[in-house]
Amino acid sequence: MIKETVLCYIKNKIDKDKYLFIYRNKKINDYNYGKYLGVGGHIEKDETRDQAVIREIKEETNFDVSMSDLSYLGKIIFKNKINDNLYEEIMYLYKCDNYNGILSSCDEGTFYWVNKADIFDLNLWEGDKCFLKYVINENDIKPFEMILNYVNDEFINQEIIK
């Protein structure tokens, strides 16, 4: 069964040029340890992707959001061939332009508001750079689909499906 997840990049309400990133530095066995990511996680059984992104934002940040605060950007399929095994994950990408609440600490990492001009200087997964341009783009973007191919955690290429 392919793992399904959600990922959301939250835009700062006051400084519109900043997005919330979590630096994954609190769990030693974290696959994403040392990387900067948006807020997100797995989709639970009997949960829609929209319900999952709202839940994950609340759990990780303490922010309350509704679907009117979110924009669905696209579907990313990660394929990572590790030795002879293929790991696949489907991730649904969102952007959040509004939220209520006060940012809390998270047991997965440390939060940073990052200026969009500095995002590509962060320690990111190389494939994340392929879809982050859709996050920081202010133009109306139709939802896209892409495949990000890795071999032994090394980024190989992207394939745009639509």
C-alpha atoms as a PDB file:
ATOM      1  CA  MET A   1       0.000   0.000   0.000  1.00  0.00           C
ATOM      2  CA  ILE A   2       1.305   3.435  -0.934  1.00  0.00           C
ATOM      3  CA  LYS A   3       1.618   5.913   1.911  1.00  0.00           C
ATOM      4  CA  GLU A   4      -0.473   9.097   1.493  1.00  0.00           C
ATOM      5  CA  THR A   5       0.518  12.336   3.190  1.00  0.00           C
ATOM      6  CA  VAL A   6      -0.242  16.057   3.194  1.00  0.00           C
ATOM      7  CA  LEU A   7       2.151  18.992   3.298  1.00  0.00           C
ATOM      8  CA  CYS A   8       1.278  22.658   3.815  1.00  0.00           C
ATOM      9  CA  TYR A   9       3.317  25.839   3.669  1.00  0.00           C
ATOM     10  CA  ILE A  10       1.817  28.573   5.830  1.00  0.00           C
ATOM     11  CA  LYS A  11       2.250  32.197   4.810  1.00  0.00           C
ATOM     12  CA  ASN A  12       2.851  34.708   7.606  1.00  0.00           C
ATOM     13  CA  LYS A  13      -0.203  36.942   8.111  1.00  0.00           C
ATOM     14  CA  ILE A  14       1.860  40.057   8.872  1.00  0.00           C
ATOM     15  CA  ASP A  15       4.944  39.623   6.690  1.00  0.00           C
ATOM     16  CA  LYS A  16       3.524  38.115   3.493  1.00  0.00           C
ATOM     17  CA  ASP A  17       7.029  37.310   2.195  1.00  0.00           C
ATOM     18  CA  LYS A  18       7.617  34.700   4.919  1.00  0.00           C
ATOM     19  CA  TYR A  19       6.579  31.063   5.128  1.00  0.00           C
ATOM     20  CA  LEU A  20       6.616  28.703   8.094  1.00  0.00           C
ATOM     21  CA  PHE A  21       9.165  25.896   7.979  1.00  0.00           C
ATOM     22  CA  ILE A  22       9.926  23.249  10.537  1.00  0.00           C
ATOM     23  CA  TYR A  23      13.572  22.308  10.931  1.00  0.00           C
ATOM     24  CA  ARG A  24      13.390  18.609  11.754  1.00  0.00           C
ATOM     25  CA  ASN A  25      15.885  18.337  14.602  1.00  0.00           C
ATOM     26  CA  LYS A  26      14.164  16.734  17.588  1.00  0.00           C
ATOM     27  CA  LYS A  27      13.798  13.043  16.697  1.00  0.00           C
ATOM     28  CA  ILE A  28      17.071  11.274  15.983  1.00  0.00           C
ATOM     29  CA  ASN A  29      15.425   8.460  13.971  1.00  0.00           C
ATOM     30  CA  ASP A  30      13.470  10.953  11.838  1.00  0.00           C
ATOM     31  CA  TYR A  31      13.881  10.205   8.110  1.00  0.00           C
ATOM     32  CA  ASN A  32      13.748  13.982   7.535  1.00  0.00           C
ATOM     33  CA  TYR A  33      16.247  14.813  10.294  1.00  0.00           C
ATOM     34  CA  GLY A  34      18.234  17.954   9.453  1.00  0.00           C
ATOM     35  CA  LYS A  35      15.832  19.025   6.689  1.00  0.00           C
ATOM     36  CA  TYR A  36      13.442  21.966   6.465  1.00  0.00           C
ATOM     37  CA  LEU A  37       9.848  21.098   5.586  1.00  0.00           C
ATOM     38  CA  GLY A  38       6.370  22.520   5.687  1.00  0.00           C
ATOM     39  CA  VAL A  39       3.746  21.297   8.142  1.00  0.00           C
ATOM     40  CA  GLY A  40       2.119  17.959   7.496  1.00  0.00           C
ATOM     41  CA  GLY A  41       1.973  14.237   7.939  1.00  0.00           C
ATOM     42  CA  HIS A  42       0.051  11.092   7.121  1.00  0.00           C
ATOM     43  CA  ILE A  43      -3.587  10.783   6.142  1.00  0.00           C
ATOM     44  CA  GLU A  44      -5.400   8.631   8.664  1.00  0.00           C
ATOM     45  CA  LYS A  45      -7.837   5.846   7.773  1.00  0.00           C
ATOM     46  CA  ASP A  46     -11.265   7.225   6.791  1.00  0.00           C
ATOM     47  CA  GLU A  47      -9.874  10.764   6.585  1.00  0.00           C
ATOM     48  CA  THR A  48      -9.873  12.955   3.470  1.00  0.00           C
ATOM     49  CA  ARG A  49      -6.746  14.840   2.449  1.00  0.00           C
ATOM     50  CA  ASP A  50      -8.495  18.118   3.369  1.00  0.00           C
ATOM     51  CA  GLN A  51      -9.365  16.830   6.835  1.00  0.00           C
ATOM     52  CA  ALA A  52      -5.797  15.577   7.252  1.00  0.00           C
ATOM     53  CA  VAL A  53      -4.137  18.887   6.394  1.00  0.00           C
ATOM     54  CA  ILE A  54      -6.398  20.793   8.816  1.00  0.00           C
ATOM     55  CA  ARG A  55      -5.668  18.233  11.573  1.00  0.00           C
ATOM     56  CA  GLU A  56      -1.917  18.204  10.943  1.00  0.00           C
ATOM     57  CA  ILE A  57      -1.727  22.015  11.020  1.00  0.00           C
ATOM     58  CA  LYS A  58      -3.565  22.043  14.363  1.00  0.00           C
ATOM     59  CA  GLU A  59      -1.451  19.237  15.850  1.00  0.00           C
ATOM     60  CA  GLU A  60       1.903  20.671  14.809  1.00  0.00           C
ATOM     61  CA  THR A  61       1.375  24.434  15.082  1.00  0.00           C
ATOM     62  CA  ASN A  62      -1.765  24.952  17.199  1.00  0.00           C
ATOM     63  CA  PHE A  63      -3.183  27.071  14.344  1.00  0.00           C
ATOM     64  CA  ASP A  64      -6.852  26.794  13.485  1.00  0.00           C
ATOM     65  CA  VAL A  65      -7.574  26.865   9.749  1.00  0.00           C
ATOM     66  CA  SER A  66     -10.542  26.147   7.524  1.00  0.00           C
ATOM     67  CA  MET A  67     -10.687  25.075   3.907  1.00  0.00           C
ATOM     68  CA  SER A  68     -11.270  28.703   2.872  1.00  0.00           C
ATOM     69  CA  ASP A  69      -7.772  29.475   4.277  1.00  0.00           C
ATOM     70  CA  LEU A  70      -6.134  26.779   2.143  1.00  0.00           C
ATOM     71  CA  SER A  71      -5.235  26.423  -1.517  1.00  0.00           C
ATOM     72  CA  TYR A  72      -4.680  22.961  -2.950  1.00  0.00           C
ATOM     73  CA  LEU A  73      -1.602  23.147  -5.191  1.00  0.00           C
ATOM     74  CA  GLY A  74      -0.992  19.643  -6.389  1.00  0.00           C
ATOM     75  CA  LYS A  75      -0.113  15.990  -6.066  1.00  0.00           C
ATOM     76  CA  ILE A  76       3.474  14.810  -5.805  1.00  0.00           C
ATOM     77  CA  ILE A  77       4.460  11.158  -6.139  1.00  0.00           C
ATOM     78  CA  PHE A  78       7.781  10.298  -4.547  1.00  0.00           C
ATOM     79  CA  LYS A  79       9.589   7.230  -5.831  1.00  0.00           C
ATOM     80  CA  ASN A  80      12.763   6.217  -4.054  1.00  0.00           C
ATOM     81  CA  LYS A  81      14.578   3.053  -5.103  1.00  0.00           C
ATOM     82  CA  ILE A  82      16.663   1.934  -2.146  1.00  0.00           C
ATOM     83  CA  ASN A  83      18.782  -1.052  -3.137  1.00  0.00           C
ATOM     84  CA  ASP A  84      16.174  -3.343  -4.723  1.00  0.00           C
ATOM     85  CA  ASN A  85      13.161  -1.927  -2.884  1.00  0.00           C
ATOM     86  CA  LEU A  86      10.889   0.814  -4.219  1.00  0.00           C
ATOM     87  CA  TYR A  87       9.391   3.238  -1.708  1.00  0.00           C
ATOM     88  CA  GLU A  88       6.432   5.245  -2.987  1.00  0.00           C
ATOM     89  CA  GLU A  89       4.504   8.060  -1.343  1.00  0.00           C
ATOM     90  CA  ILE A  90       1.707  10.287  -2.603  1.00  0.00           C
ATOM     91  CA  MET A  91       1.791  13.754  -1.082  1.00  0.00           C
ATOM     92  CA  TYR A  92      -0.904  16.412  -1.470  1.00  0.00           C
ATOM     93  CA  LEU A  93       0.502  19.941  -1.360  1.00  0.00           C
ATOM     94  CA  TYR A  94      -1.282  22.966   0.112  1.00  0.00           C
ATOM     95  CA  LYS A  95      -0.618  26.603   0.842  1.00  0.00           C
ATOM     96  CA  CYS A  96      -2.270  28.420   3.752  1.00  0.00           C
ATOM     97  CA  ASP A  97      -2.871  32.182   3.632  1.00  0.00           C
ATOM     98  CA  ASN A  98      -4.741  32.647   6.910  1.00  0.00           C
ATOM     99  CA  TYR A  99      -4.838  31.084  10.368  1.00  0.00           C
ATOM    100  CA  ASN A 100      -5.921  31.797  13.926  1.00  0.00           C
ATOM    101  CA  GLY A 101      -3.994  31.039  17.072  1.00  0.00           C
ATOM    102  CA  ILE A 102      -0.527  31.322  18.510  1.00  0.00           C
ATOM    103  CA  LEU A 103       2.292  29.169  17.162  1.00  0.00           C
ATOM    104  CA  SER A 104       3.237  26.468  19.649  1.00  0.00           C
ATOM    105  CA  SER A 105       6.351  24.342  19.883  1.00  0.00           C
ATOM    106  CA  CYS A 106       6.446  20.990  18.126  1.00  0.00           C
ATOM    107  CA  ASP A 107       8.041  17.708  19.205  1.00  0.00           C
ATOM    108  CA  GLU A 108       9.332  17.113  15.656  1.00  0.00           C
ATOM    109  CA  GLY A 109      11.443  20.227  15.218  1.00  0.00           C
ATOM    110  CA  THR A 110      11.922  23.961  15.523  1.00  0.00           C
ATOM    111  CA  PHE A 111       9.750  26.437  13.626  1.00  0.00           C
ATOM    112  CA  TYR A 112      11.180  29.301  11.566  1.00  0.00           C
ATOM    113  CA  TRP A 113       9.487  31.987   9.502  1.00  0.00           C
ATOM    114  CA  VAL A 114      11.629  32.071   6.364  1.00  0.00           C
ATOM    115  CA  ASN A 115      11.684  34.857   3.793  1.00  0.00           C
ATOM    116  CA  LYS A 116      10.762  33.459   0.378  1.00  0.00           C
ATOM    117  CA  ALA A 117      14.016  34.846  -1.044  1.00  0.00           C
ATOM    118  CA  ASP A 118      15.929  32.578   1.392  1.00  0.00           C
ATOM    119  CA  ILE A 119      13.931  29.364   1.004  1.00  0.00           C
ATOM    120  CA  PHE A 120      16.213  27.746  -1.567  1.00  0.00           C
ATOM    121  CA  ASP A 121      19.226  28.336   0.719  1.00  0.00           C
ATOM    122  CA  LEU A 122      17.760  25.991   3.355  1.00  0.00           C
ATOM    123  CA  ASN A 123      18.768  22.354   3.732  1.00  0.00           C
ATOM    124  CA  LEU A 124      15.877  20.954   1.697  1.00  0.00           C
ATOM    125  CA  TRP A 125      15.289  17.664  -0.024  1.00  0.00           C
ATOM    126  CA  GLU A 126      16.466  18.381  -3.571  1.00  0.00           C
ATOM    127  CA  GLY A 127      13.141  17.321  -5.047  1.00  0.00           C
ATOM    128  CA  ASP A 128      11.259  19.759  -2.793  1.00  0.00           C
ATOM    129  CA  LYS A 129      12.775  22.595  -4.797  1.00  0.00           C
ATOM    130  CA  CYS A 130      10.730  21.376  -7.790  1.00  0.00           C
ATOM    131  CA  PHE A 131       7.400  22.093  -6.092  1.00  0.00           C
ATOM    132  CA  LEU A 132       8.331  24.973  -3.783  1.00  0.00           C
ATOM    133  CA  LYS A 133       8.197  27.338  -6.752  1.00  0.00           C
ATOM    134  CA  TYR A 134       4.447  26.638  -6.880  1.00  0.00           C
ATOM    135  CA  VAL A 135       4.152  27.539  -3.198  1.00  0.00           C
ATOM    136  CA  ILE A 136       5.825  30.945  -3.426  1.00  0.00           C
ATOM    137  CA  ASN A 137       4.285  31.832  -6.794  1.00  0.00           C
ATOM    138  CA  GLU A 138       1.589  34.462  -6.276  1.00  0.00           C
ATOM    139  CA  ASN A 139      -0.152  33.737  -9.584  1.00  0.00           C
ATOM    140  CA  ASP A 140      -3.218  31.557  -9.807  1.00  0.00           C
ATOM    141  CA  ILE A 141      -1.907  28.059 -10.471  1.00  0.00           C
ATOM    142  CA  LYS A 142      -4.040  25.125 -11.506  1.00  0.00           C
ATOM    143  CA  PRO A 143      -3.296  22.008  -9.484  1.00  0.00           C
ATOM    144  CA  PHE A 144      -0.346  20.113 -10.905  1.00  0.00           C
ATOM    145  CA  GLU A 145       0.917  16.544 -10.672  1.00  0.00           C
ATOM    146  CA  MET A 146       4.535  15.495 -10.678  1.00  0.00           C
ATOM    147  CA  ILE A 147       6.710  12.512  -9.918  1.00  0.00           C
ATOM    148  CA  LEU A 148       9.980  12.986  -8.056  1.00  0.00           C
ATOM    149  CA  ASN A 149      12.423  10.137  -8.638  1.00  0.00           C
ATOM    150  CA  TYR A 150      15.168   9.255  -6.171  1.00  0.00           C
ATOM    151  CA  VAL A 151      17.700   6.440  -5.977  1.00  0.00           C
ATOM    152  CA  ASN A 152      19.100   5.748  -2.501  1.00  0.00           C
ATOM    153  CA  ASP A 153      17.763   9.151  -1.314  1.00  0.00           C
ATOM    154  CA  GLU A 154      19.587  10.983  -4.126  1.00  0.00           C
ATOM    155  CA  PHE A 155      17.359  13.085  -6.372  1.00  0.00           C
ATOM    156  CA  ILE A 156      17.413  11.922  -9.999  1.00  0.00           C
ATOM    157  CA  ASN A 157      14.712  13.898 -11.817  1.00  0.00           C
ATOM    158  CA  GLN A 158      11.157  15.156 -11.918  1.00  0.00           C
ATOM    159  CA  GLU A 159       8.383  14.225 -14.308  1.00  0.00           C
ATOM    160  CA  ILE A 160       5.510  16.677 -14.794  1.00  0.00           C
ATOM    161  CA  ILE A 161       2.271  14.787 -15.336  1.00  0.00           C
ATOM    162  CA  LYS A 162       0.063  17.870 -15.656  1.00  0.00           C
END
